[in-house]
Amino acid sequence: MFFVALEYEKQRAGFENPQEIKLRGNNYQIWVNAELRYASLSVNALAYSQCPNSRDLYLQYVKKIDRPPTWERYMGRVVDKLYKDIYLVCRHYCQNTESRNFDLFKELCSEKEILIFDALKHFISEYEAITPAPDEAKIYQFNDNLKKIIHFEALQISAAMEHRMAQLIGANPDQTFSQLFPLNVDVQLHSQRLGFTSPATPDFILSDRVVGDIKLGKWKNWFDFTMVAYALAFEDFLGKPMNLGAILQLEMIDSRPYPLHSGAKITLLDDAIRERFITVRNWKLQIIVNKTDPGLPDKNQCDNSCDYYKNCWGQENE
């Protein structure tokens, strides 16, 4: 989140005069029609495409076959919480510390073990349900990666804060933090008219100008739809335009002492991408409403790590 805030500051001028956007979330023309009015899916379900035919949604929501807990989803949720907790620790410290005593890097590093423990504990029931259980090497590496995230964030945030405070004699930590990182990490958007299960909860909103989400792993094309969905929900719920979306995408490489953000970006959410998302949204909601099996995709398109691979293709690849 801090990475996105600093990137936005550098690119702000390029976003000042965006092209006209007509497909806004509070435009009744893109609300779900009468046929789909009582159907809803989470933003993640509407954006995410594990199956080329969206048959995974049919199996999950029509046939009621739950997705099994996975190590990958567990890690993603822990990382989401960790970033939000880092933000809250930093904000609290800046609100309660005078300039003469300011050492945000030291403060955040001293909270490292507590932050990691709290994030892991929050999802302990999900962790215990993963089958087969992750081996000790995976657990150790993940803990090490969480430490890398905190160390990198401590360096990044404290350097930005001290650089800004060094420019002004009267600067104080609270004001400086609010100016550099005007983030909201506790956002709940209600937009059932768009077919979204309430509440829709983006990971962060920056200055009411950028809606963002945190993604762990390599870049996926459906990340764009996540940004669009949250922007539309924001516009419908609050009646204000949201032109920009951001993905804080991170990968953890064992050989590096810091996370990689090579895919992180801020994107103009124009009408073209909004229209594509609305088409996909309508298709997925129709599957749920009509309870129609969309059929098997070409097997060559299937990933055998899909949650429903065995439901579609049996045990032949075991």
Protein backbone atom coordinates (compact mmCIF):
# COMPACT_ATOMS: atom_id res chain seq x y z
CA MET A 1 0.00 0.00 0.00
CA PHE A 2 2.79 2.41 0.85
CA PHE A 3 4.49 1.44 -2.41
CA VAL A 4 1.33 2.38 -4.33
CA ALA A 5 0.98 5.68 -2.45
CA LEU A 6 4.52 6.69 -3.32
CA GLU A 7 4.08 5.61 -6.95
CA TYR A 8 0.88 7.65 -7.19
CA GLU A 9 2.70 10.70 -5.87
CA LYS A 10 5.30 10.35 -8.63
CA GLN A 11 2.72 9.79 -11.38
CA ARG A 12 0.03 12.17 -10.15
CA ALA A 13 0.38 14.64 -13.04
CA GLY A 14 -0.31 11.91 -15.58
CA PHE A 15 -3.66 11.15 -13.95
CA GLU A 16 -5.01 14.69 -13.68
CA ASN A 17 -7.10 14.73 -16.89
CA PRO A 18 -8.39 11.21 -17.50
CA GLN A 19 -10.46 10.43 -20.58
CA GLU A 20 -14.24 10.56 -20.22
CA ILE A 21 -15.69 7.51 -18.49
CA LYS A 22 -19.40 6.82 -18.98
CA LEU A 23 -19.87 3.37 -17.44
CA ARG A 24 -20.02 4.45 -13.80
CA GLY A 25 -21.20 2.23 -10.96
CA ASN A 26 -24.10 4.61 -10.18
CA ASN A 27 -25.32 4.45 -13.79
CA TYR A 28 -28.54 2.38 -13.76
CA GLN A 29 -27.78 1.12 -17.28
CA ILE A 30 -25.08 -1.22 -15.93
CA TRP A 31 -26.95 -2.49 -12.88
CA VAL A 32 -28.02 -6.12 -13.10
CA ASN A 33 -31.27 -6.64 -14.98
CA ALA A 34 -34.49 -8.02 -13.55
CA GLU A 35 -33.54 -11.60 -14.41
CA LEU A 36 -30.39 -11.38 -12.26
CA ARG A 37 -31.67 -9.00 -9.60
CA TYR A 38 -31.61 -11.48 -6.73
CA ALA A 39 -28.26 -13.07 -7.59
CA SER A 40 -24.96 -11.90 -6.18
CA LEU A 41 -21.36 -13.04 -6.03
CA SER A 42 -18.31 -11.77 -4.20
CA VAL A 43 -15.99 -9.45 -6.12
CA ASN A 44 -13.35 -12.16 -6.04
CA ALA A 45 -15.74 -14.72 -7.59
CA LEU A 46 -16.79 -12.29 -10.31
CA ALA A 47 -13.24 -11.28 -11.15
CA TYR A 48 -11.38 -14.56 -10.65
CA SER A 49 -11.36 -17.10 -13.46
CA GLN A 50 -9.84 -20.40 -12.41
CA CYS A 51 -11.84 -22.25 -15.07
CA PRO A 52 -12.03 -21.04 -18.70
CA ASN A 53 -15.75 -21.90 -18.72
CA SER A 54 -16.49 -20.67 -15.17
CA ARG A 55 -17.59 -24.21 -14.33
CA ASP A 56 -15.91 -23.79 -10.94
CA LEU A 57 -18.66 -21.30 -10.02
CA TYR A 58 -21.35 -23.77 -11.06
CA LEU A 59 -19.79 -26.47 -8.88
CA GLN A 60 -19.31 -24.13 -5.92
CA TYR A 61 -22.57 -22.17 -5.91
CA VAL A 62 -25.06 -24.47 -7.65
CA LYS A 63 -23.78 -27.94 -6.71
CA LYS A 64 -22.59 -26.61 -3.31
CA ILE A 65 -19.14 -28.22 -3.48
CA ASP A 66 -16.90 -26.08 -1.27
CA ARG A 67 -13.45 -25.05 -2.38
CA PRO A 68 -10.84 -26.76 -0.21
CA PRO A 69 -8.54 -24.54 1.87
CA THR A 70 -5.16 -24.16 0.17
CA TRP A 71 -1.73 -23.05 1.29
CA GLU A 72 -1.69 -20.37 -1.43
CA ARG A 73 -4.96 -18.74 -0.35
CA TYR A 74 -3.91 -18.96 3.30
CA MET A 75 -0.65 -17.14 2.53
CA GLY A 76 -2.48 -14.46 0.57
CA ARG A 77 -4.85 -13.72 3.44
CA VAL A 78 -2.03 -13.56 5.98
CA VAL A 79 -0.12 -11.15 3.76
CA ASP A 80 -3.22 -8.94 3.32
CA LYS A 81 -3.65 -8.67 7.07
CA LEU A 82 0.03 -8.05 7.64
CA TYR A 83 0.07 -5.05 5.31
CA LYS A 84 -2.98 -3.53 6.96
CA ASP A 85 -1.52 -4.07 10.43
CA ILE A 86 1.76 -2.47 9.34
CA TYR A 87 -0.21 0.59 8.25
CA LEU A 88 -2.07 0.78 11.57
CA VAL A 89 1.14 0.46 13.61
CA CYS A 90 2.78 3.22 11.58
CA ARG A 91 -0.22 5.53 11.82
CA HIS A 92 -0.51 5.05 15.58
CA TYR A 93 3.21 5.66 16.07
CA CYS A 94 3.19 8.85 13.99
CA GLN A 95 0.11 10.16 15.80
CA ASN A 96 1.77 9.68 19.18
CA THR A 97 5.43 10.56 18.58
CA GLU A 98 7.16 13.94 18.47
CA SER A 99 9.68 14.79 15.76
CA ARG A 100 12.60 14.79 18.18
CA ASN A 101 11.93 11.16 19.14
CA PHE A 102 11.00 9.92 15.68
CA ASP A 103 12.44 6.54 14.64
CA LEU A 104 9.77 4.71 12.67
CA PHE A 105 12.21 2.15 11.30
CA LYS A 106 13.20 1.04 14.80
CA GLU A 107 9.58 1.01 15.98
CA LEU A 108 8.32 -1.13 13.12
CA CYS A 109 11.21 -3.59 13.38
CA SER A 110 10.60 -3.93 17.11
CA GLU A 111 6.98 -4.94 16.37
CA LYS A 112 8.01 -7.55 13.80
CA GLU A 113 7.36 -10.69 15.83
CA ILE A 114 4.05 -9.42 17.20
CA LEU A 115 2.81 -8.44 13.73
CA ILE A 116 3.66 -11.84 12.30
CA PHE A 117 2.18 -13.73 15.26
CA ASP A 118 -1.10 -11.79 15.03
CA ALA A 119 -1.43 -12.31 11.27
CA LEU A 120 -0.78 -16.04 11.54
CA LYS A 121 -3.05 -16.48 14.55
CA HIS A 122 -5.92 -14.69 12.80
CA PHE A 123 -6.13 -17.46 10.19
CA ILE A 124 -5.17 -20.43 12.37
CA SER A 125 -8.41 -22.35 11.71
CA GLU A 126 -7.90 -22.05 7.96
CA TYR A 127 -4.29 -23.20 8.32
CA GLU A 128 -5.32 -26.25 10.34
CA ALA A 129 -7.83 -27.26 7.63
CA ILE A 130 -5.24 -27.43 4.83
CA THR A 131 -4.75 -30.97 3.54
CA PRO A 132 -2.08 -32.15 3.26
CA ALA A 133 -0.51 -29.94 5.91
CA PRO A 134 2.39 -27.82 4.63
CA ASP A 135 5.81 -29.14 5.58
CA GLU A 136 8.12 -27.36 7.99
CA ALA A 137 10.33 -26.00 5.21
CA LYS A 138 7.35 -24.16 3.65
CA ILE A 139 6.29 -22.76 7.01
CA TYR A 140 9.81 -21.57 7.82
CA GLN A 141 10.21 -19.92 4.43
CA PHE A 142 6.85 -18.17 4.69
CA ASN A 143 7.73 -16.77 8.12
CA ASP A 144 11.04 -15.55 6.72
CA ASN A 145 9.20 -13.88 3.84
CA LEU A 146 6.88 -12.08 6.26
CA LYS A 147 9.96 -10.69 8.02
CA LYS A 148 11.29 -9.49 4.65
CA ILE A 149 8.04 -7.63 4.01
CA ILE A 150 8.19 -5.82 7.34
CA HIS A 151 11.86 -4.92 6.91
CA PHE A 152 11.24 -3.56 3.41
CA GLU A 153 8.20 -1.57 4.52
CA ALA A 154 10.11 -0.15 7.49
CA LEU A 155 12.88 1.07 5.19
CA GLN A 156 10.48 2.48 2.61
CA ILE A 157 8.11 4.27 4.98
CA SER A 158 10.71 5.69 7.34
CA ALA A 159 12.85 6.97 4.45
CA ALA A 160 9.87 8.71 2.84
CA MET A 161 8.81 10.22 6.15
CA GLU A 162 12.23 11.51 7.10
CA HIS A 163 12.85 12.87 3.61
CA ARG A 164 9.63 14.91 3.75
CA MET A 165 10.14 16.04 7.34
CA ALA A 166 13.68 17.17 6.49
CA GLN A 167 12.21 19.65 4.00
CA LEU A 168 10.13 21.55 6.56
CA ILE A 169 11.24 22.93 9.90
CA GLY A 170 7.79 22.66 11.48
CA ALA A 171 6.88 19.25 10.10
CA ASN A 172 5.56 16.70 12.57
CA PRO A 173 5.10 12.95 12.09
CA ASP A 174 1.30 12.94 12.26
CA GLN A 175 0.76 15.59 9.57
CA THR A 176 3.52 14.19 7.38
CA PHE A 177 2.14 10.66 7.53
CA SER A 178 -1.37 11.87 6.66
CA GLN A 179 -0.03 13.80 3.67
CA LEU A 180 2.14 10.99 2.32
CA PHE A 181 -0.14 8.06 3.03
CA PRO A 182 -3.84 9.11 2.93
CA LEU A 183 -5.01 5.51 3.00
CA ASN A 184 -8.22 3.91 4.20
CA VAL A 185 -7.79 0.21 5.01
CA ASP A 186 -11.20 -0.40 6.56
CA VAL A 187 -13.55 0.00 3.60
CA GLN A 188 -16.97 -1.59 3.21
CA LEU A 189 -18.92 -0.90 0.03
CA HIS A 190 -22.51 -2.05 -0.53
CA SER A 191 -23.59 -2.49 -4.12
CA GLN A 192 -26.11 -5.27 -4.65
CA ARG A 193 -27.49 -3.40 -7.66
CA LEU A 194 -24.28 -4.37 -9.43
CA GLY A 195 -24.57 -8.01 -8.38
CA PHE A 196 -21.92 -7.83 -5.66
CA THR A 197 -22.33 -9.63 -2.35
CA SER A 198 -22.21 -7.07 0.48
CA PRO A 199 -19.95 -5.80 1.68
CA ALA A 200 -17.35 -5.47 -1.07
CA THR A 201 -14.06 -4.87 0.71
CA PRO A 202 -11.07 -3.56 -1.26
CA ASP A 203 -7.79 -3.80 0.63
CA PHE A 204 -7.26 -0.03 0.53
CA ILE A 205 -8.43 3.25 -0.96
CA LEU A 206 -5.96 6.07 -1.54
CA SER A 207 -7.28 9.63 -1.22
CA ASP A 208 -10.66 8.59 -2.69
CA ARG A 209 -8.81 8.51 -6.03
CA VAL A 210 -7.35 5.01 -6.24
CA VAL A 211 -9.02 1.76 -5.20
CA GLY A 212 -6.54 -1.02 -4.52
CA ASP A 213 -6.06 -4.67 -3.73
CA ILE A 214 -3.08 -6.76 -2.57
CA LYS A 215 -2.16 -9.86 -4.56
CA LEU A 216 0.51 -12.41 -3.69
CA GLY A 217 2.07 -14.26 -6.62
CA LYS A 218 2.64 -13.72 -10.31
CA TRP A 219 0.46 -11.27 -12.24
CA LYS A 220 -2.85 -12.65 -13.48
CA ASN A 221 -5.02 -11.01 -16.13
CA TRP A 222 -8.09 -11.16 -13.89
CA PHE A 223 -6.46 -8.73 -11.46
CA ASP A 224 -7.73 -5.96 -13.77
CA PHE A 225 -11.32 -7.06 -13.18
CA THR A 226 -10.77 -6.87 -9.42
CA MET A 227 -9.88 -3.20 -9.72
CA VAL A 228 -12.89 -2.48 -11.97
CA ALA A 229 -15.33 -4.26 -9.66
CA TYR A 230 -14.23 -2.30 -6.61
CA ALA A 231 -14.28 0.98 -8.56
CA LEU A 232 -17.86 0.35 -9.70
CA ALA A 233 -18.91 -0.57 -6.15
CA PHE A 234 -17.30 2.63 -4.83
CA GLU A 235 -19.16 4.74 -7.40
CA ASP A 236 -22.50 3.08 -6.74
CA PHE A 237 -22.23 3.23 -2.95
CA LEU A 238 -20.71 6.69 -2.54
CA GLY A 239 -21.83 8.40 -5.77
CA LYS A 240 -18.32 9.66 -6.51
CA PRO A 241 -16.13 8.82 -9.53
CA MET A 242 -13.28 6.34 -9.14
CA ASN A 243 -11.04 6.52 -12.21
CA LEU A 244 -8.00 4.60 -11.00
CA GLY A 245 -7.30 1.13 -9.71
CA ALA A 246 -4.14 -0.29 -8.20
CA ILE A 247 -2.77 -3.74 -7.56
CA LEU A 248 0.00 -4.12 -5.01
CA GLN A 249 1.33 -7.33 -6.54
CA LEU A 250 4.22 -8.96 -4.74
CA GLU A 251 6.32 -12.03 -5.22
CA MET A 252 8.68 -13.50 -2.66
CA ILE A 253 11.94 -14.82 -4.07
CA ASP A 254 13.96 -16.84 -1.57
CA SER A 255 17.28 -15.46 -2.79
CA ARG A 256 16.26 -11.81 -2.28
CA PRO A 257 16.01 -10.01 1.05
CA TYR A 258 12.98 -7.96 -0.07
CA PRO A 259 9.65 -8.53 -1.87
CA LEU A 260 9.42 -8.00 -5.62
CA HIS A 261 6.77 -5.54 -6.88
CA SER A 262 7.51 -5.78 -10.60
CA GLY A 263 3.82 -6.17 -11.50
CA ALA A 264 2.44 -3.51 -9.16
CA LYS A 265 0.68 -0.77 -11.10
CA ILE A 266 -1.88 1.99 -11.12
CA THR A 267 -4.34 1.71 -14.00
CA LEU A 268 -6.88 4.02 -15.62
CA LEU A 269 -10.16 2.09 -15.49
CA ASP A 270 -11.59 3.18 -18.82
CA ASP A 271 -14.88 2.18 -20.44
CA ALA A 272 -13.29 -0.62 -22.45
CA ILE A 273 -12.19 -2.61 -19.40
CA ARG A 274 -15.43 -1.78 -17.57
CA GLU A 275 -17.48 -3.14 -20.45
CA ARG A 276 -15.47 -6.37 -20.53
CA PHE A 277 -16.00 -6.86 -16.80
CA ILE A 278 -19.76 -6.25 -17.06
CA THR A 279 -20.01 -8.91 -19.80
CA VAL A 280 -18.17 -11.42 -17.59
CA ARG A 281 -20.29 -10.45 -14.56
CA ASN A 282 -23.54 -11.09 -16.46
CA TRP A 283 -22.28 -14.46 -17.73
CA LYS A 284 -21.32 -15.63 -14.25
CA LEU A 285 -24.55 -14.46 -12.62
CA GLN A 286 -26.56 -16.24 -15.31
CA ILE A 287 -24.81 -19.50 -14.42
CA ILE A 288 -25.98 -19.11 -10.81
CA VAL A 289 -29.52 -17.95 -11.61
CA ASN A 290 -30.23 -20.49 -14.35
CA LYS A 291 -28.34 -23.29 -12.57
CA THR A 292 -27.00 -24.33 -15.93
CA ASP A 293 -23.79 -26.31 -16.19
CA PRO A 294 -21.56 -24.37 -18.63
CA GLY A 295 -19.88 -27.65 -19.56
CA LEU A 296 -16.32 -28.88 -19.52
CA PRO A 297 -13.65 -26.74 -21.15
CA ASP A 298 -11.01 -28.16 -23.44
CA LYS A 299 -8.93 -30.30 -21.12
CA ASN A 300 -5.74 -28.73 -22.49
CA GLN A 301 -6.90 -25.43 -21.00
CA CYS A 302 -7.28 -26.90 -17.54
CA ASP A 303 -4.75 -26.55 -14.76
CA ASN A 304 -4.60 -29.78 -12.72
CA SER A 305 -4.12 -27.65 -9.59
CA CYS A 306 -7.66 -26.27 -10.06
CA ASP A 307 -9.85 -26.77 -6.99
CA TYR A 308 -12.35 -28.75 -9.07
CA TYR A 309 -10.06 -30.64 -11.43
CA LYS A 310 -10.99 -34.02 -9.93
CA ASN A 311 -14.69 -33.16 -10.02
CA CYS A 312 -14.42 -32.59 -13.75
CA TRP A 313 -11.85 -35.17 -14.78
CA GLY A 314 -11.81 -37.78 -12.03
CA GLN A 315 -8.71 -39.38 -10.52
CA GLU A 316 -6.87 -40.22 -13.75
CA ASN A 317 -3.92 -37.92 -13.10
CA GLU A 318 -3.25 -39.00 -9.53
